[in-house]
């Protein structure tokens, strides 16, 4: 099995994603439900474009032969600063055939097992039907310390209830993707979700003993508010361009966010990551670790746990090559001067 075979298999199964040769959001604009971006898809495309506006500077005389890609994270040591992003509602979004609950569980099993075998972690998702969050919890119980359940921005007490369940299930941390406050998929299920205040974040963070991560932060002031409220991590993310058209990309705002909160909490970033070089760019712009979403979903649907591990191993190898040729010895200390704005 190779990545081409995995992609071909995924393409034959998925109706909510074209599995294009280049995953750039052009062919899938407006495909929601599906894996596309909202309306024109410009926010999805901006994630890729903002990354491509930075070029890496080669330093081939640096003598870096064995780059260190390990990072400490929530009591564990990961082999790479690359995690799987939360994706939920596989039958709804990927539009694959099968019993929805069984398909969801198979997907979560694939991403969590593949990530653990690769030496990293996976976030699991949440959506309107109860089985969607329960599926991630089931995988979390099997792989204690490697799975981070993610909760939609429901009422505070409901988030706390689900966060406590994650803690009891062996999760090293729990997240809420607060940028899903207007997500179309939640409206389909008639689920009450909405914006979260700093007071809500503080309340939720104080209610659990494990780190609370806020996903969907795109401004320095809100990043600082999360830190002050007790969150131990943020994900700089525009939800893959799925909640608002015409947004800036992750790489557009990451440097300002890092300047405001670097060292106060863990900064994750996602959006437009297609190769190991993209990972290095986001680390240089201030991220501590990077999440991959659509490519991991394609790998899981097309190749199961082995496909996810192969994808992550590929990204790690590409990251190592990029570090060697740019003179970066350690992913925990990636200087911004390896980049040049094109």
C-alpha atoms as a PDB file:
ATOM      1  CA  UNK A   1       0.000   0.000   0.000  1.00  0.00           C
ATOM      2  CA  UNK A   2       1.271   3.467  -0.904  1.00  0.00           C
ATOM      3  CA  UNK A   3      -0.239   6.947  -0.664  1.00  0.00           C
ATOM      4  CA  UNK A   4      -1.518   6.852  -4.259  1.00  0.00           C
ATOM      5  CA  UNK A   5      -3.392   3.625  -3.580  1.00  0.00           C
ATOM      6  CA  UNK A   6      -4.783   5.070  -0.358  1.00  0.00           C
ATOM      7  CA  UNK A   7      -6.020   8.168  -2.169  1.00  0.00           C
ATOM      8  CA  UNK A   8      -7.529   6.115  -4.989  1.00  0.00           C
ATOM      9  CA  UNK A   9      -9.421   3.967  -2.475  1.00  0.00           C
ATOM     10  CA  UNK A  10     -10.644   7.047  -0.619  1.00  0.00           C
ATOM     11  CA  UNK A  11     -11.807   8.631  -3.877  1.00  0.00           C
ATOM     12  CA  UNK A  12     -13.886   5.551  -4.657  1.00  0.00           C
ATOM     13  CA  UNK A  13     -15.596   5.742  -1.241  1.00  0.00           C
ATOM     14  CA  UNK A  14     -16.100   9.484  -0.692  1.00  0.00           C
ATOM     15  CA  UNK A  15     -18.805  11.602  -2.277  1.00  0.00           C
ATOM     16  CA  UNK A  16     -18.165  14.596  -0.021  1.00  0.00           C
ATOM     17  CA  UNK A  17     -14.577  15.054  -1.211  1.00  0.00           C
ATOM     18  CA  UNK A  18     -13.099  14.780  -4.702  1.00  0.00           C
ATOM     19  CA  UNK A  19      -9.676  13.753  -3.307  1.00  0.00           C
ATOM     20  CA  UNK A  20      -8.038  16.129  -5.772  1.00  0.00           C
ATOM     21  CA  UNK A  21      -4.344  15.772  -6.704  1.00  0.00           C
ATOM     22  CA  UNK A  22      -3.839  19.090  -4.896  1.00  0.00           C
ATOM     23  CA  UNK A  23      -6.224  19.680  -1.987  1.00  0.00           C
ATOM     24  CA  UNK A  24      -6.718  23.417  -2.469  1.00  0.00           C
ATOM     25  CA  UNK A  25     -10.445  24.017  -1.996  1.00  0.00           C
ATOM     26  CA  UNK A  26     -11.191  24.948  -5.604  1.00  0.00           C
ATOM     27  CA  UNK A  27     -13.264  21.956  -6.742  1.00  0.00           C
ATOM     28  CA  UNK A  28     -15.160  21.628  -3.436  1.00  0.00           C
ATOM     29  CA  UNK A  29     -16.185  25.260  -2.867  1.00  0.00           C
ATOM     30  CA  UNK A  30     -19.552  25.349  -1.138  1.00  0.00           C
ATOM     31  CA  UNK A  31     -19.643  21.597  -0.412  1.00  0.00           C
ATOM     32  CA  UNK A  32     -21.024  21.688   3.144  1.00  0.00           C
ATOM     33  CA  UNK A  33     -22.050  19.124   4.260  1.00  0.00           C
ATOM     34  CA  UNK A  34     -18.914  17.777   2.654  1.00  0.00           C
ATOM     35  CA  UNK A  35     -15.242  18.632   3.038  1.00  0.00           C
ATOM     36  CA  UNK A  36     -15.383  21.937   1.147  1.00  0.00           C
ATOM     37  CA  UNK A  37     -15.137  25.534   2.270  1.00  0.00           C
ATOM     38  CA  UNK A  38     -18.151  27.743   2.914  1.00  0.00           C
ATOM     39  CA  UNK A  39     -19.791  29.401  -0.125  1.00  0.00           C
ATOM     40  CA  UNK A  40     -16.949  30.567  -2.429  1.00  0.00           C
ATOM     41  CA  UNK A  41     -14.335  28.562  -0.531  1.00  0.00           C
ATOM     42  CA  UNK A  42     -12.075  31.613  -0.258  1.00  0.00           C
ATOM     43  CA  UNK A  43     -11.255  31.024   3.423  1.00  0.00           C
ATOM     44  CA  UNK A  44     -10.186  27.445   2.671  1.00  0.00           C
ATOM     45  CA  UNK A  45      -8.001  28.631  -0.219  1.00  0.00           C
ATOM     46  CA  UNK A  46      -6.529  31.487   1.821  1.00  0.00           C
ATOM     47  CA  UNK A  47      -5.067  29.018   4.307  1.00  0.00           C
ATOM     48  CA  UNK A  48      -2.970  27.496   1.544  1.00  0.00           C
ATOM     49  CA  UNK A  49      -2.163  30.803  -0.146  1.00  0.00           C
ATOM     50  CA  UNK A  50      -0.992  32.464   3.076  1.00  0.00           C
ATOM     51  CA  UNK A  51       1.449  29.598   3.695  1.00  0.00           C
ATOM     52  CA  UNK A  52       2.730  29.674   0.134  1.00  0.00           C
ATOM     53  CA  UNK A  53       3.531  33.370   0.484  1.00  0.00           C
ATOM     54  CA  UNK A  54       6.470  32.336   2.673  1.00  0.00           C
ATOM     55  CA  UNK A  55       9.569  30.731   1.210  1.00  0.00           C
ATOM     56  CA  UNK A  56      12.151  28.680   3.110  1.00  0.00           C
ATOM     57  CA  UNK A  57      15.773  29.840   3.028  1.00  0.00           C
ATOM     58  CA  UNK A  58      18.309  27.078   2.415  1.00  0.00           C
ATOM     59  CA  UNK A  59      21.331  26.785   4.698  1.00  0.00           C
ATOM     60  CA  UNK A  60      22.990  23.629   3.426  1.00  0.00           C
ATOM     61  CA  UNK A  61      26.298  24.245   5.274  1.00  0.00           C
ATOM     62  CA  UNK A  62      24.733  24.112   8.726  1.00  0.00           C
ATOM     63  CA  UNK A  63      25.861  20.586   9.520  1.00  0.00           C
ATOM     64  CA  UNK A  64      22.439  19.480  10.773  1.00  0.00           C
ATOM     65  CA  UNK A  65      22.326  15.735  10.111  1.00  0.00           C
ATOM     66  CA  UNK A  66      19.833  14.382  12.655  1.00  0.00           C
ATOM     67  CA  UNK A  67      17.153  16.961  13.435  1.00  0.00           C
ATOM     68  CA  UNK A  68      15.201  16.511  16.660  1.00  0.00           C
ATOM     69  CA  UNK A  69      11.453  16.391  15.881  1.00  0.00           C
ATOM     70  CA  UNK A  70      10.269  15.411  19.370  1.00  0.00           C
ATOM     71  CA  UNK A  71       8.110  17.644  21.543  1.00  0.00           C
ATOM     72  CA  UNK A  72       6.801  17.345  25.113  1.00  0.00           C
ATOM     73  CA  UNK A  73       3.034  17.638  25.252  1.00  0.00           C
ATOM     74  CA  UNK A  74       0.710  17.211  28.226  1.00  0.00           C
ATOM     75  CA  UNK A  75       2.908  14.697  30.021  1.00  0.00           C
ATOM     76  CA  UNK A  76       3.904  12.745  26.919  1.00  0.00           C
ATOM     77  CA  UNK A  77       6.782  12.988  24.457  1.00  0.00           C
ATOM     78  CA  UNK A  78       5.675  12.949  20.831  1.00  0.00           C
ATOM     79  CA  UNK A  79       7.916  11.866  17.962  1.00  0.00           C
ATOM     80  CA  UNK A  80       6.729  14.787  15.860  1.00  0.00           C
ATOM     81  CA  UNK A  81       4.947  18.140  16.287  1.00  0.00           C
ATOM     82  CA  UNK A  82       2.153  16.924  14.000  1.00  0.00           C
ATOM     83  CA  UNK A  83      -1.242  15.815  15.337  1.00  0.00           C
ATOM     84  CA  UNK A  84      -4.473  14.755  13.653  1.00  0.00           C
ATOM     85  CA  UNK A  85      -7.187  17.427  13.693  1.00  0.00           C
ATOM     86  CA  UNK A  86     -10.739  16.668  14.875  1.00  0.00           C
ATOM     87  CA  UNK A  87     -13.135  15.580  12.134  1.00  0.00           C
ATOM     88  CA  UNK A  88     -16.643  14.403  13.001  1.00  0.00           C
ATOM     89  CA  UNK A  89     -19.745  13.335  11.122  1.00  0.00           C
ATOM     90  CA  UNK A  90     -18.018  11.077   8.597  1.00  0.00           C
ATOM     91  CA  UNK A  91     -21.153   9.833   6.845  1.00  0.00           C
ATOM     92  CA  UNK A  92     -22.511  13.394   6.740  1.00  0.00           C
ATOM     93  CA  UNK A  93     -19.315  15.092   5.549  1.00  0.00           C
ATOM     94  CA  UNK A  94     -17.247  12.461   3.739  1.00  0.00           C
ATOM     95  CA  UNK A  95     -20.535  11.007   2.453  1.00  0.00           C
ATOM     96  CA  UNK A  96     -19.380   7.402   2.570  1.00  0.00           C
ATOM     97  CA  UNK A  97     -21.814   4.487   2.653  1.00  0.00           C
ATOM     98  CA  UNK A  98     -22.599   2.544   5.811  1.00  0.00           C
ATOM     99  CA  UNK A  99     -24.228   2.752   9.208  1.00  0.00           C
ATOM    100  CA  UNK A 100     -23.361   6.239  10.536  1.00  0.00           C
ATOM    101  CA  UNK A 101     -22.341   5.108  14.035  1.00  0.00           C
ATOM    102  CA  UNK A 102     -20.245   2.203  12.739  1.00  0.00           C
ATOM    103  CA  UNK A 103     -18.525   4.396  10.139  1.00  0.00           C
ATOM    104  CA  UNK A 104     -17.777   7.048  12.782  1.00  0.00           C
ATOM    105  CA  UNK A 105     -16.257   4.469  15.113  1.00  0.00           C
ATOM    106  CA  UNK A 106     -14.144   2.942  12.337  1.00  0.00           C
ATOM    107  CA  UNK A 107     -12.864   6.398  11.432  1.00  0.00           C
ATOM    108  CA  UNK A 108     -11.962   7.334  15.008  1.00  0.00           C
ATOM    109  CA  UNK A 109     -10.276   3.974  15.490  1.00  0.00           C
ATOM    110  CA  UNK A 110      -8.198   4.553  12.351  1.00  0.00           C
ATOM    111  CA  UNK A 111      -7.008   8.066  13.215  1.00  0.00           C
ATOM    112  CA  UNK A 112      -6.301   7.357  16.883  1.00  0.00           C
ATOM    113  CA  UNK A 113      -4.530   4.052  16.301  1.00  0.00           C
ATOM    114  CA  UNK A 114      -2.561   5.419  13.347  1.00  0.00           C
ATOM    115  CA  UNK A 115      -1.501   8.488  15.302  1.00  0.00           C
ATOM    116  CA  UNK A 116      -0.453   6.435  18.337  1.00  0.00           C
ATOM    117  CA  UNK A 117       1.594   4.076  16.164  1.00  0.00           C
ATOM    118  CA  UNK A 118       3.304   7.093  14.588  1.00  0.00           C
ATOM    119  CA  UNK A 119       4.152   8.406  18.049  1.00  0.00           C
ATOM    120  CA  UNK A 120       1.729  11.317  18.189  1.00  0.00           C
ATOM    121  CA  UNK A 121      -1.831  12.216  19.218  1.00  0.00           C
ATOM    122  CA  UNK A 122      -5.188  12.633  17.523  1.00  0.00           C
ATOM    123  CA  UNK A 123      -8.045  14.988  18.286  1.00  0.00           C
ATOM    124  CA  UNK A 124     -11.491  13.437  17.821  1.00  0.00           C
ATOM    125  CA  UNK A 125     -14.621  15.306  16.831  1.00  0.00           C
ATOM    126  CA  UNK A 126     -18.166  16.058  17.865  1.00  0.00           C
ATOM    127  CA  UNK A 127     -21.348  16.913  16.000  1.00  0.00           C
ATOM    128  CA  UNK A 128     -25.103  16.781  16.293  1.00  0.00           C
ATOM    129  CA  UNK A 129     -25.735  13.070  16.899  1.00  0.00           C
ATOM    130  CA  UNK A 130     -24.694  11.630  20.298  1.00  0.00           C
ATOM    131  CA  UNK A 131     -22.722   8.764  18.747  1.00  0.00           C
ATOM    132  CA  UNK A 132     -20.251  11.213  17.190  1.00  0.00           C
ATOM    133  CA  UNK A 133     -18.677  12.324  20.475  1.00  0.00           C
ATOM    134  CA  UNK A 134     -19.184   8.896  22.049  1.00  0.00           C
ATOM    135  CA  UNK A 135     -17.132   7.342  19.265  1.00  0.00           C
ATOM    136  CA  UNK A 136     -14.103   9.453  20.130  1.00  0.00           C
ATOM    137  CA  UNK A 137     -14.524   8.682  23.821  1.00  0.00           C
ATOM    138  CA  UNK A 138     -14.507   4.942  23.047  1.00  0.00           C
ATOM    139  CA  UNK A 139     -11.212   5.332  21.171  1.00  0.00           C
ATOM    140  CA  UNK A 140      -9.866   7.502  24.000  1.00  0.00           C
ATOM    141  CA  UNK A 141     -10.500   4.755  26.555  1.00  0.00           C
ATOM    142  CA  UNK A 142      -8.486   2.304  24.429  1.00  0.00           C
ATOM    143  CA  UNK A 143      -5.525   4.654  23.949  1.00  0.00           C
ATOM    144  CA  UNK A 144      -5.109   6.549  27.180  1.00  0.00           C
ATOM    145  CA  UNK A 145      -2.903   9.596  26.798  1.00  0.00           C
ATOM    146  CA  UNK A 146      -3.106   9.764  22.996  1.00  0.00           C
ATOM    147  CA  UNK A 147      -6.615  11.054  22.227  1.00  0.00           C
ATOM    148  CA  UNK A 148      -7.945  14.608  22.729  1.00  0.00           C
ATOM    149  CA  UNK A 149     -11.761  14.743  22.444  1.00  0.00           C
ATOM    150  CA  UNK A 150     -13.150  17.976  21.015  1.00  0.00           C
ATOM    151  CA  UNK A 151     -16.528  19.409  21.991  1.00  0.00           C
ATOM    152  CA  UNK A 152     -18.746  21.764  19.997  1.00  0.00           C
ATOM    153  CA  UNK A 153     -19.538  25.132  21.670  1.00  0.00           C
ATOM    154  CA  UNK A 154     -22.659  23.937  23.450  1.00  0.00           C
ATOM    155  CA  UNK A 155     -24.021  25.353  26.700  1.00  0.00           C
ATOM    156  CA  UNK A 156     -21.290  25.607  29.345  1.00  0.00           C
ATOM    157  CA  UNK A 157     -22.707  22.862  31.549  1.00  0.00           C
ATOM    158  CA  UNK A 158     -22.960  20.479  28.606  1.00  0.00           C
ATOM    159  CA  UNK A 159     -19.327  21.166  27.640  1.00  0.00           C
ATOM    160  CA  UNK A 160     -18.258  20.553  31.244  1.00  0.00           C
ATOM    161  CA  UNK A 161     -20.204  17.283  31.325  1.00  0.00           C
ATOM    162  CA  UNK A 162     -18.494  16.080  28.164  1.00  0.00           C
ATOM    163  CA  UNK A 163     -15.086  17.367  29.304  1.00  0.00           C
ATOM    164  CA  UNK A 164     -15.346  15.459  32.577  1.00  0.00           C
ATOM    165  CA  UNK A 165     -16.174  12.340  30.578  1.00  0.00           C
ATOM    166  CA  UNK A 166     -13.014  12.886  28.504  1.00  0.00           C
ATOM    167  CA  UNK A 167     -10.970  13.253  31.691  1.00  0.00           C
ATOM    168  CA  UNK A 168     -12.433  10.038  33.102  1.00  0.00           C
ATOM    169  CA  UNK A 169     -11.646   8.262  29.818  1.00  0.00           C
ATOM    170  CA  UNK A 170      -7.898   8.907  29.952  1.00  0.00           C
ATOM    171  CA  UNK A 171      -7.625  11.968  27.729  1.00  0.00           C
ATOM    172  CA  UNK A 172      -4.424  14.027  28.210  1.00  0.00           C
ATOM    173  CA  UNK A 173      -6.430  17.166  27.380  1.00  0.00           C
ATOM    174  CA  UNK A 174      -9.842  18.198  26.079  1.00  0.00           C
ATOM    175  CA  UNK A 175     -10.759  20.849  23.516  1.00  0.00           C
ATOM    176  CA  UNK A 176     -13.713  22.898  22.300  1.00  0.00           C
ATOM    177  CA  UNK A 177     -13.887  24.234  18.758  1.00  0.00           C
ATOM    178  CA  UNK A 178     -15.581  27.509  19.603  1.00  0.00           C
ATOM    179  CA  UNK A 179     -15.410  28.589  15.946  1.00  0.00           C
ATOM    180  CA  UNK A 180     -18.237  26.105  15.225  1.00  0.00           C
ATOM    181  CA  UNK A 181     -20.786  28.505  16.712  1.00  0.00           C
ATOM    182  CA  UNK A 182     -22.406  29.027  13.282  1.00  0.00           C
ATOM    183  CA  UNK A 183     -21.596  25.664  11.710  1.00  0.00           C
ATOM    184  CA  UNK A 184     -24.261  24.563   9.247  1.00  0.00           C
ATOM    185  CA  UNK A 185     -23.944  20.915  10.262  1.00  0.00           C
ATOM    186  CA  UNK A 186     -25.021  21.685  13.841  1.00  0.00           C
ATOM    187  CA  UNK A 187     -28.102  23.493  12.547  1.00  0.00           C
ATOM    188  CA  UNK A 188     -29.029  20.390  10.556  1.00  0.00           C
ATOM    189  CA  UNK A 189     -29.232  18.448  13.820  1.00  0.00           C
ATOM    190  CA  UNK A 190     -31.007  21.287  15.644  1.00  0.00           C
ATOM    191  CA  UNK A 191     -28.217  21.532  18.215  1.00  0.00           C
ATOM    192  CA  UNK A 192     -27.893  24.724  20.295  1.00  0.00           C
ATOM    193  CA  UNK A 193     -24.380  26.114  19.898  1.00  0.00           C
ATOM    194  CA  UNK A 194     -23.108  29.656  20.150  1.00  0.00           C
ATOM    195  CA  UNK A 195     -20.178  31.992  20.848  1.00  0.00           C
ATOM    196  CA  UNK A 196     -18.134  31.601  24.030  1.00  0.00           C
ATOM    197  CA  UNK A 197     -16.939  34.369  26.326  1.00  0.00           C
ATOM    198  CA  UNK A 198     -13.751  34.530  28.363  1.00  0.00           C
ATOM    199  CA  UNK A 199     -15.883  33.872  31.429  1.00  0.00           C
ATOM    200  CA  UNK A 200     -17.211  30.665  29.875  1.00  0.00           C
ATOM    201  CA  UNK A 201     -13.700  29.506  29.014  1.00  0.00           C
ATOM    202  CA  UNK A 202     -12.535  30.204  32.565  1.00  0.00           C
ATOM    203  CA  UNK A 203     -15.505  28.284  33.979  1.00  0.00           C
ATOM    204  CA  UNK A 204     -14.854  25.247  31.770  1.00  0.00           C
ATOM    205  CA  UNK A 205     -11.091  25.270  32.320  1.00  0.00           C
ATOM    206  CA  UNK A 206     -11.594  25.346  36.091  1.00  0.00           C
ATOM    207  CA  UNK A 207     -14.052  22.443  36.004  1.00  0.00           C
ATOM    208  CA  UNK A 208     -11.568  19.813  34.776  1.00  0.00           C
ATOM    209  CA  UNK A 209      -8.150  18.691  35.967  1.00  0.00           C
ATOM    210  CA  UNK A 210      -6.751  18.135  32.469  1.00  0.00           C
ATOM    211  CA  UNK A 211      -5.656  20.955  30.120  1.00  0.00           C
ATOM    212  CA  UNK A 212      -8.432  22.750  28.250  1.00  0.00           C
ATOM    213  CA  UNK A 213      -7.714  23.764  24.641  1.00  0.00           C
ATOM    214  CA  UNK A 214      -9.649  26.447  22.764  1.00  0.00           C
ATOM    215  CA  UNK A 215      -9.827  25.766  19.029  1.00  0.00           C
ATOM    216  CA  UNK A 216     -10.706  28.552  16.629  1.00  0.00           C
ATOM    217  CA  UNK A 217      -8.611  31.517  17.768  1.00  0.00           C
ATOM    218  CA  UNK A 218      -7.640  33.981  15.031  1.00  0.00           C
ATOM    219  CA  UNK A 219      -6.662  37.167  16.882  1.00  0.00           C
ATOM    220  CA  UNK A 220      -3.986  38.127  19.393  1.00  0.00           C
ATOM    221  CA  UNK A 221      -6.457  39.673  21.827  1.00  0.00           C
ATOM    222  CA  UNK A 222      -8.583  36.533  22.009  1.00  0.00           C
ATOM    223  CA  UNK A 223      -5.450  34.398  22.374  1.00  0.00           C
ATOM    224  CA  UNK A 224      -4.448  36.534  25.360  1.00  0.00           C
ATOM    225  CA  UNK A 225      -7.970  36.258  26.781  1.00  0.00           C
ATOM    226  CA  UNK A 226      -7.747  32.455  26.547  1.00  0.00           C
ATOM    227  CA  UNK A 227      -4.432  32.465  28.417  1.00  0.00           C
ATOM    228  CA  UNK A 228      -5.814  34.732  31.111  1.00  0.00           C
ATOM    229  CA  UNK A 229      -8.915  32.521  31.442  1.00  0.00           C
ATOM    230  CA  UNK A 230      -6.798  29.462  32.210  1.00  0.00           C
ATOM    231  CA  UNK A 231      -6.763  27.648  28.879  1.00  0.00           C
ATOM    232  CA  UNK A 232      -3.541  25.687  28.449  1.00  0.00           C
ATOM    233  CA  UNK A 233      -3.714  25.539  24.677  1.00  0.00           C
ATOM    234  CA  UNK A 234      -5.220  27.258  21.647  1.00  0.00           C
ATOM    235  CA  UNK A 235      -5.606  26.144  18.049  1.00  0.00           C
ATOM    236  CA  UNK A 236      -5.081  28.969  15.587  1.00  0.00           C
ATOM    237  CA  UNK A 237      -7.695  27.911  13.047  1.00  0.00           C
ATOM    238  CA  UNK A 238     -10.496  29.206  10.841  1.00  0.00           C
ATOM    239  CA  UNK A 239     -12.190  25.777  10.930  1.00  0.00           C
ATOM    240  CA  UNK A 240     -10.812  24.886   7.532  1.00  0.00           C
ATOM    241  CA  UNK A 241     -12.693  27.788   5.969  1.00  0.00           C
ATOM    242  CA  UNK A 242     -16.013  26.127   6.820  1.00  0.00           C
ATOM    243  CA  UNK A 243     -17.689  28.721   9.087  1.00  0.00           C
ATOM    244  CA  UNK A 244     -17.128  32.116   7.410  1.00  0.00           C
ATOM    245  CA  UNK A 245     -16.320  33.139   3.851  1.00  0.00           C
ATOM    246  CA  UNK A 246     -13.659  35.754   3.120  1.00  0.00           C
ATOM    247  CA  UNK A 247     -11.469  35.090   6.149  1.00  0.00           C
ATOM    248  CA  UNK A 248      -7.748  35.591   6.577  1.00  0.00           C
ATOM    249  CA  UNK A 249      -5.588  32.472   6.652  1.00  0.00           C
ATOM    250  CA  UNK A 250      -3.882  30.931   9.656  1.00  0.00           C
ATOM    251  CA  UNK A 251      -0.419  32.060   8.545  1.00  0.00           C
ATOM    252  CA  UNK A 252      -1.692  35.643   8.215  1.00  0.00           C
ATOM    253  CA  UNK A 253      -2.399  35.933  11.945  1.00  0.00           C
ATOM    254  CA  UNK A 254      -0.110  33.386  13.605  1.00  0.00           C
ATOM    255  CA  UNK A 255       2.928  35.686  14.102  1.00  0.00           C
ATOM    256  CA  UNK A 256       0.871  38.289  16.004  1.00  0.00           C
ATOM    257  CA  UNK A 257      -0.744  35.598  18.139  1.00  0.00           C
ATOM    258  CA  UNK A 258       2.631  34.046  18.944  1.00  0.00           C
ATOM    259  CA  UNK A 259       3.996  37.458  19.909  1.00  0.00           C
ATOM    260  CA  UNK A 260       1.135  37.840  22.377  1.00  0.00           C
ATOM    261  CA  UNK A 261       1.050  34.424  24.073  1.00  0.00           C
ATOM    262  CA  UNK A 262       4.106  32.316  23.163  1.00  0.00           C
ATOM    263  CA  UNK A 263       5.245  30.477  26.291  1.00  0.00           C
ATOM    264  CA  UNK A 264       1.992  31.128  28.183  1.00  0.00           C
ATOM    265  CA  UNK A 265       0.126  28.218  26.596  1.00  0.00           C
ATOM    266  CA  UNK A 266       0.608  25.661  23.817  1.00  0.00           C
ATOM    267  CA  UNK A 267      -0.016  27.119  20.363  1.00  0.00           C
ATOM    268  CA  UNK A 268      -1.385  24.678  17.809  1.00  0.00           C
ATOM    269  CA  UNK A 269      -2.118  25.747  14.241  1.00  0.00           C
ATOM    270  CA  UNK A 270      -3.893  24.162  11.308  1.00  0.00           C
ATOM    271  CA  UNK A 271      -5.040  25.053   7.808  1.00  0.00           C
ATOM    272  CA  UNK A 272      -3.434  24.286   4.452  1.00  0.00           C
ATOM    273  CA  UNK A 273      -0.780  21.867   5.712  1.00  0.00           C
ATOM    274  CA  UNK A 274      -0.023  19.493   2.850  1.00  0.00           C
ATOM    275  CA  UNK A 275       3.669  18.647   3.348  1.00  0.00           C
ATOM    276  CA  UNK A 276       6.375  18.637   5.996  1.00  0.00           C
ATOM    277  CA  UNK A 277       7.662  21.956   4.685  1.00  0.00           C
ATOM    278  CA  UNK A 278       4.322  23.523   5.626  1.00  0.00           C
ATOM    279  CA  UNK A 279       4.743  22.196   9.150  1.00  0.00           C
ATOM    280  CA  UNK A 280       8.143  23.871   9.413  1.00  0.00           C
ATOM    281  CA  UNK A 281       6.736  27.161   8.146  1.00  0.00           C
ATOM    282  CA  UNK A 282       4.013  27.210  10.817  1.00  0.00           C
ATOM    283  CA  UNK A 283       6.549  26.366  13.522  1.00  0.00           C
ATOM    284  CA  UNK A 284       8.740  29.243  12.321  1.00  0.00           C
ATOM    285  CA  UNK A 285       5.721  31.558  12.450  1.00  0.00           C
ATOM    286  CA  UNK A 286       5.163  30.696  16.109  1.00  0.00           C
ATOM    287  CA  UNK A 287       3.242  27.422  16.436  1.00  0.00           C
ATOM    288  CA  UNK A 288       4.382  24.766  18.919  1.00  0.00           C
ATOM    289  CA  UNK A 289       2.631  21.995  16.992  1.00  0.00           C
ATOM    290  CA  UNK A 290       0.497  21.583  13.877  1.00  0.00           C
ATOM    291  CA  UNK A 291      -2.775  19.773  13.141  1.00  0.00           C
ATOM    292  CA  UNK A 292      -3.682  18.096   9.847  1.00  0.00           C
ATOM    293  CA  UNK A 293      -7.325  17.575   8.922  1.00  0.00           C
ATOM    294  CA  UNK A 294      -8.461  16.778   5.387  1.00  0.00           C
ATOM    295  CA  UNK A 295      -5.319  14.817   4.360  1.00  0.00           C
ATOM    296  CA  UNK A 296      -5.623  12.667   7.502  1.00  0.00           C
ATOM    297  CA  UNK A 297      -9.314  12.047   6.809  1.00  0.00           C
ATOM    298  CA  UNK A 298      -8.509  10.873   3.281  1.00  0.00           C
ATOM    299  CA  UNK A 299      -5.756   8.612   4.649  1.00  0.00           C
ATOM    300  CA  UNK A 300      -8.091   7.104   7.266  1.00  0.00           C
ATOM    301  CA  UNK A 301     -10.940   6.448   4.841  1.00  0.00           C
ATOM    302  CA  UNK A 302      -8.627   5.104   2.148  1.00  0.00           C
ATOM    303  CA  UNK A 303      -6.154   3.171   4.264  1.00  0.00           C
ATOM    304  CA  UNK A 304      -7.363   2.850   7.847  1.00  0.00           C
ATOM    305  CA  UNK A 305      -4.848   3.111  10.690  1.00  0.00           C
ATOM    306  CA  UNK A 306      -1.998   2.041   8.393  1.00  0.00           C
ATOM    307  CA  UNK A 307      -2.872   4.860   5.999  1.00  0.00           C
ATOM    308  CA  UNK A 308      -2.854   7.444   8.776  1.00  0.00           C
ATOM    309  CA  UNK A 309       0.484   6.213  10.062  1.00  0.00           C
ATOM    310  CA  UNK A 310       1.936   6.285   6.537  1.00  0.00           C
ATOM    311  CA  UNK A 311       0.771   9.867   6.044  1.00  0.00           C
ATOM    312  CA  UNK A 312       2.196  11.013   9.393  1.00  0.00           C
ATOM    313  CA  UNK A 313       5.492   9.215   8.767  1.00  0.00           C
ATOM    314  CA  UNK A 314       5.672  10.905   5.356  1.00  0.00           C
ATOM    315  CA  UNK A 315       5.123  14.342   6.885  1.00  0.00           C
ATOM    316  CA  UNK A 316       7.751  13.619   9.531  1.00  0.00           C
ATOM    317  CA  UNK A 317      10.301  12.562   6.905  1.00  0.00           C
ATOM    318  CA  UNK A 318       9.586  15.689   4.844  1.00  0.00           C
ATOM    319  CA  UNK A 319       9.902  17.812   7.993  1.00  0.00           C
ATOM    320  CA  UNK A 320      13.303  16.260   8.763  1.00  0.00           C
ATOM    321  CA  UNK A 321      14.527  16.957   5.235  1.00  0.00           C
ATOM    322  CA  UNK A 322      13.331  20.566   5.447  1.00  0.00           C
ATOM    323  CA  UNK A 323      15.034  21.029   8.821  1.00  0.00           C
ATOM    324  CA  UNK A 324      18.330  19.648   7.529  1.00  0.00           C
ATOM    325  CA  UNK A 325      18.396  21.913   4.482  1.00  0.00           C
ATOM    326  CA  UNK A 326      17.401  25.032   6.466  1.00  0.00           C
ATOM    327  CA  UNK A 327      19.758  24.376   9.383  1.00  0.00           C
ATOM    328  CA  UNK A 328      17.114  23.766  12.074  1.00  0.00           C
ATOM    329  CA  UNK A 329      18.291  21.323  14.747  1.00  0.00           C
ATOM    330  CA  UNK A 330      15.229  21.177  16.993  1.00  0.00           C
ATOM    331  CA  UNK A 331      11.499  21.718  16.330  1.00  0.00           C
ATOM    332  CA  UNK A 332      11.205  23.284  19.772  1.00  0.00           C
ATOM    333  CA  UNK A 333      13.377  26.191  18.587  1.00  0.00           C
ATOM    334  CA  UNK A 334      12.556  27.115  14.994  1.00  0.00           C
ATOM    335  CA  UNK A 335      13.755  30.637  14.126  1.00  0.00           C
ATOM    336  CA  UNK A 336      11.575  32.859  11.972  1.00  0.00           C
ATOM    337  CA  UNK A 337      14.608  33.921   9.926  1.00  0.00           C
ATOM    338  CA  UNK A 338      14.433  30.659   7.957  1.00  0.00           C
ATOM    339  CA  UNK A 339      11.443  32.263   6.180  1.00  0.00           C
ATOM    340  CA  UNK A 340      11.191  35.061   3.665  1.00  0.00           C
ATOM    341  CA  UNK A 341       7.904  36.678   2.656  1.00  0.00           C
ATOM    342  CA  UNK A 342       7.661  36.316  -1.090  1.00  0.00           C
END
